[in-house]
């Protein structure tokens, strides 16, 4: 999701009625190609979050579009 704040402000956050007290069910329909699942096997997994992210990015580098591989 590119802009979660705009998504929530657009009513999908369930804010609804006066004072935001009413709650309604919301469904988000995503096309198949926007979801990707990968199961990775590691002999050892680093304990630090930065090292974990670097290792996962390295393992997925060739299977994920290049826009995902950019540093955020």
N, C-alpha and C. Protein backbone atom coordinates (compact mmCIF):
# COMPACT_ATOMS: atom_id res chain seq x y z
N UNK A 1 0.85 -1.16 0.00
CA UNK A 1 0.00 0.00 0.00
C UNK A 1 0.90 1.22 0.00
N UNK A 2 0.68 2.08 -0.96
CA UNK A 2 1.55 3.24 -1.12
C UNK A 2 1.25 4.32 -0.09
N UNK A 3 -0.03 4.59 0.18
CA UNK A 3 -0.40 5.66 1.11
C UNK A 3 -1.46 5.17 2.11
N UNK A 4 -1.04 4.51 3.21
CA UNK A 4 -2.00 3.98 4.16
C UNK A 4 -2.87 5.05 4.81
N UNK A 5 -2.34 6.27 4.99
CA UNK A 5 -3.13 7.34 5.60
C UNK A 5 -4.30 7.73 4.71
N UNK A 6 -4.07 7.82 3.40
CA UNK A 6 -5.14 8.16 2.47
C UNK A 6 -6.16 7.03 2.43
N UNK A 7 -5.71 5.81 2.51
CA UNK A 7 -6.61 4.66 2.52
C UNK A 7 -7.53 4.72 3.74
N UNK A 8 -6.97 5.00 4.90
CA UNK A 8 -7.75 5.10 6.12
C UNK A 8 -8.70 6.29 6.07
N UNK A 9 -8.22 7.44 5.58
CA UNK A 9 -9.05 8.64 5.50
C UNK A 9 -10.20 8.46 4.51
N UNK A 10 -10.03 7.58 3.54
CA UNK A 10 -11.07 7.35 2.54
C UNK A 10 -12.21 6.51 3.05
N UNK A 11 -12.20 6.12 4.30
CA UNK A 11 -13.32 5.38 4.86
C UNK A 11 -13.02 3.91 5.08
N UNK A 12 -11.93 3.41 4.56
CA UNK A 12 -11.62 1.99 4.72
C UNK A 12 -11.13 1.67 6.12
N UNK A 13 -10.84 2.68 6.91
CA UNK A 13 -10.36 2.44 8.26
C UNK A 13 -11.47 2.11 9.24
N UNK A 14 -12.72 2.15 8.78
CA UNK A 14 -13.83 1.81 9.66
C UNK A 14 -14.29 2.96 10.54
N UNK A 15 -13.79 4.19 10.28
CA UNK A 15 -14.15 5.34 11.09
C UNK A 15 -15.64 5.62 11.08
N UNK A 16 -16.21 5.67 9.90
CA UNK A 16 -17.65 5.75 9.73
C UNK A 16 -18.33 6.94 10.35
N UNK A 17 -19.34 6.70 11.18
CA UNK A 17 -20.31 7.69 11.66
C UNK A 17 -19.74 8.76 12.56
N UNK A 18 -20.67 9.46 13.23
CA UNK A 18 -20.32 10.58 14.08
C UNK A 18 -19.34 10.16 15.16
N UNK A 19 -18.25 10.86 15.23
CA UNK A 19 -17.25 10.57 16.24
C UNK A 19 -16.45 9.31 15.97
N UNK A 20 -16.69 8.69 14.84
CA UNK A 20 -15.92 7.50 14.48
C UNK A 20 -16.25 6.29 15.33
N UNK A 21 -17.47 6.27 15.91
CA UNK A 21 -17.81 5.17 16.80
C UNK A 21 -18.42 3.97 16.10
N UNK A 22 -19.02 4.19 14.93
CA UNK A 22 -19.62 3.07 14.21
C UNK A 22 -18.54 2.29 13.50
N UNK A 23 -18.72 0.98 13.49
CA UNK A 23 -17.74 0.13 12.85
C UNK A 23 -18.44 -0.69 11.77
N UNK A 24 -17.86 -0.74 10.58
CA UNK A 24 -18.43 -1.50 9.49
C UNK A 24 -17.38 -2.46 8.97
N UNK A 25 -17.85 -3.58 8.42
CA UNK A 25 -16.93 -4.54 7.82
C UNK A 25 -16.38 -3.96 6.52
N UNK A 26 -15.10 -4.20 6.30
CA UNK A 26 -14.44 -3.73 5.09
C UNK A 26 -13.70 -4.91 4.48
N UNK A 27 -13.75 -5.01 3.15
CA UNK A 27 -13.01 -6.05 2.44
C UNK A 27 -12.02 -5.40 1.49
N UNK A 28 -10.85 -5.92 1.44
CA UNK A 28 -9.82 -5.44 0.52
C UNK A 28 -9.54 -6.57 -0.47
N UNK A 29 -9.81 -6.32 -1.73
CA UNK A 29 -9.61 -7.33 -2.76
C UNK A 29 -8.33 -7.00 -3.52
N UNK A 30 -7.40 -7.94 -3.51
CA UNK A 30 -6.10 -7.74 -4.15
C UNK A 30 -5.95 -8.73 -5.30
N UNK A 31 -5.40 -8.27 -6.42
CA UNK A 31 -5.15 -9.21 -7.52
C UNK A 31 -4.05 -10.21 -7.15
N UNK A 32 -4.09 -11.39 -7.74
CA UNK A 32 -3.14 -12.45 -7.42
C UNK A 32 -1.68 -12.02 -7.54
N UNK A 33 -1.37 -11.21 -8.54
CA UNK A 33 0.03 -10.86 -8.80
C UNK A 33 0.61 -9.87 -7.79
N UNK A 34 -0.18 -9.32 -6.87
CA UNK A 34 0.38 -8.37 -5.90
C UNK A 34 0.77 -9.05 -4.59
N UNK A 35 0.51 -10.33 -4.47
CA UNK A 35 0.89 -11.08 -3.28
C UNK A 35 1.98 -12.08 -3.65
N UNK A 36 3.02 -12.12 -2.86
CA UNK A 36 4.10 -13.05 -3.12
C UNK A 36 4.51 -13.71 -1.81
N UNK A 37 4.68 -15.01 -1.85
CA UNK A 37 5.05 -15.78 -0.67
C UNK A 37 6.33 -16.54 -0.97
N UNK A 38 7.25 -16.50 -0.05
CA UNK A 38 8.50 -17.25 -0.21
C UNK A 38 8.84 -17.92 1.11
N UNK A 39 9.25 -19.15 1.03
CA UNK A 39 9.72 -19.88 2.22
C UNK A 39 11.21 -20.07 2.06
N UNK A 40 11.96 -19.50 2.97
CA UNK A 40 13.42 -19.56 2.90
C UNK A 40 13.95 -20.43 4.03
N UNK A 41 14.96 -21.22 3.72
CA UNK A 41 15.57 -22.10 4.70
C UNK A 41 16.95 -21.54 5.06
N UNK A 42 17.21 -21.34 6.34
CA UNK A 42 18.48 -20.80 6.80
C UNK A 42 19.14 -21.77 7.77
N UNK A 43 20.45 -21.97 7.63
CA UNK A 43 21.19 -22.75 8.62
C UNK A 43 21.28 -21.98 9.93
N UNK A 44 21.60 -20.69 9.81
CA UNK A 44 21.64 -19.79 10.96
C UNK A 44 20.99 -18.48 10.54
N UNK A 45 20.22 -17.89 11.45
CA UNK A 45 19.56 -16.61 11.17
C UNK A 45 20.11 -15.57 12.12
N UNK A 46 20.58 -14.42 11.61
CA UNK A 46 21.17 -13.38 12.47
C UNK A 46 20.17 -12.87 13.51
N UNK A 47 20.69 -12.37 14.62
CA UNK A 47 19.83 -11.87 15.67
C UNK A 47 19.45 -10.40 15.48
N UNK A 48 20.30 -9.63 14.79
CA UNK A 48 20.03 -8.21 14.59
C UNK A 48 19.09 -7.96 13.41
N UNK A 49 18.13 -7.04 13.56
CA UNK A 49 17.16 -6.76 12.50
C UNK A 49 17.80 -6.29 11.19
N UNK A 50 18.85 -5.49 11.26
CA UNK A 50 19.51 -5.01 10.04
C UNK A 50 20.18 -6.17 9.30
N UNK A 51 20.82 -7.06 10.03
CA UNK A 51 21.46 -8.23 9.41
C UNK A 51 20.41 -9.18 8.84
N UNK A 52 19.29 -9.33 9.53
CA UNK A 52 18.21 -10.18 9.03
C UNK A 52 17.67 -9.65 7.70
N UNK A 53 17.41 -8.34 7.65
CA UNK A 53 16.88 -7.72 6.44
C UNK A 53 17.87 -7.85 5.29
N UNK A 54 19.15 -7.63 5.56
CA UNK A 54 20.17 -7.75 4.51
C UNK A 54 20.22 -9.18 3.96
N UNK A 55 20.15 -10.16 4.84
CA UNK A 55 20.19 -11.56 4.41
C UNK A 55 18.96 -11.92 3.58
N UNK A 56 17.80 -11.49 4.02
CA UNK A 56 16.57 -11.78 3.27
C UNK A 56 16.59 -11.09 1.92
N UNK A 57 17.01 -9.82 1.88
CA UNK A 57 17.12 -9.11 0.60
C UNK A 57 18.07 -9.83 -0.35
N UNK A 58 19.18 -10.32 0.18
CA UNK A 58 20.15 -11.03 -0.64
C UNK A 58 19.54 -12.30 -1.22
N UNK A 59 18.83 -13.06 -0.39
CA UNK A 59 18.24 -14.32 -0.85
C UNK A 59 17.12 -14.12 -1.86
N UNK A 60 16.41 -12.99 -1.76
CA UNK A 60 15.28 -12.74 -2.66
C UNK A 60 15.62 -11.84 -3.84
N UNK A 61 16.86 -11.39 -3.92
CA UNK A 61 17.24 -10.38 -4.90
C UNK A 61 16.79 -10.71 -6.33
N UNK A 62 16.95 -11.92 -6.78
CA UNK A 62 16.64 -12.27 -8.17
C UNK A 62 15.17 -12.58 -8.40
N UNK A 63 14.41 -12.85 -7.36
CA UNK A 63 13.02 -13.24 -7.56
C UNK A 63 12.01 -12.12 -7.30
N UNK A 64 12.48 -10.97 -6.82
CA UNK A 64 11.59 -9.86 -6.50
C UNK A 64 11.92 -8.69 -7.41
N UNK A 65 10.92 -7.93 -7.86
CA UNK A 65 11.18 -6.77 -8.73
C UNK A 65 12.20 -5.81 -8.12
N UNK A 66 12.96 -5.16 -8.97
CA UNK A 66 14.05 -4.30 -8.52
C UNK A 66 13.58 -3.14 -7.66
N UNK A 67 12.34 -2.68 -7.78
CA UNK A 67 11.86 -1.58 -6.95
C UNK A 67 11.80 -1.97 -5.48
N UNK A 68 11.59 -3.27 -5.18
CA UNK A 68 11.54 -3.73 -3.80
C UNK A 68 12.94 -3.76 -3.18
N UNK A 69 13.96 -3.95 -4.02
CA UNK A 69 15.32 -4.10 -3.51
C UNK A 69 15.97 -2.79 -3.12
N UNK A 70 15.33 -1.65 -3.46
CA UNK A 70 15.91 -0.36 -3.08
C UNK A 70 15.85 -0.18 -1.57
N UNK A 71 16.84 0.51 -1.04
CA UNK A 71 16.85 0.83 0.39
C UNK A 71 15.71 1.79 0.69
N UNK A 72 15.02 1.58 1.80
CA UNK A 72 13.91 2.46 2.18
C UNK A 72 14.30 3.31 3.34
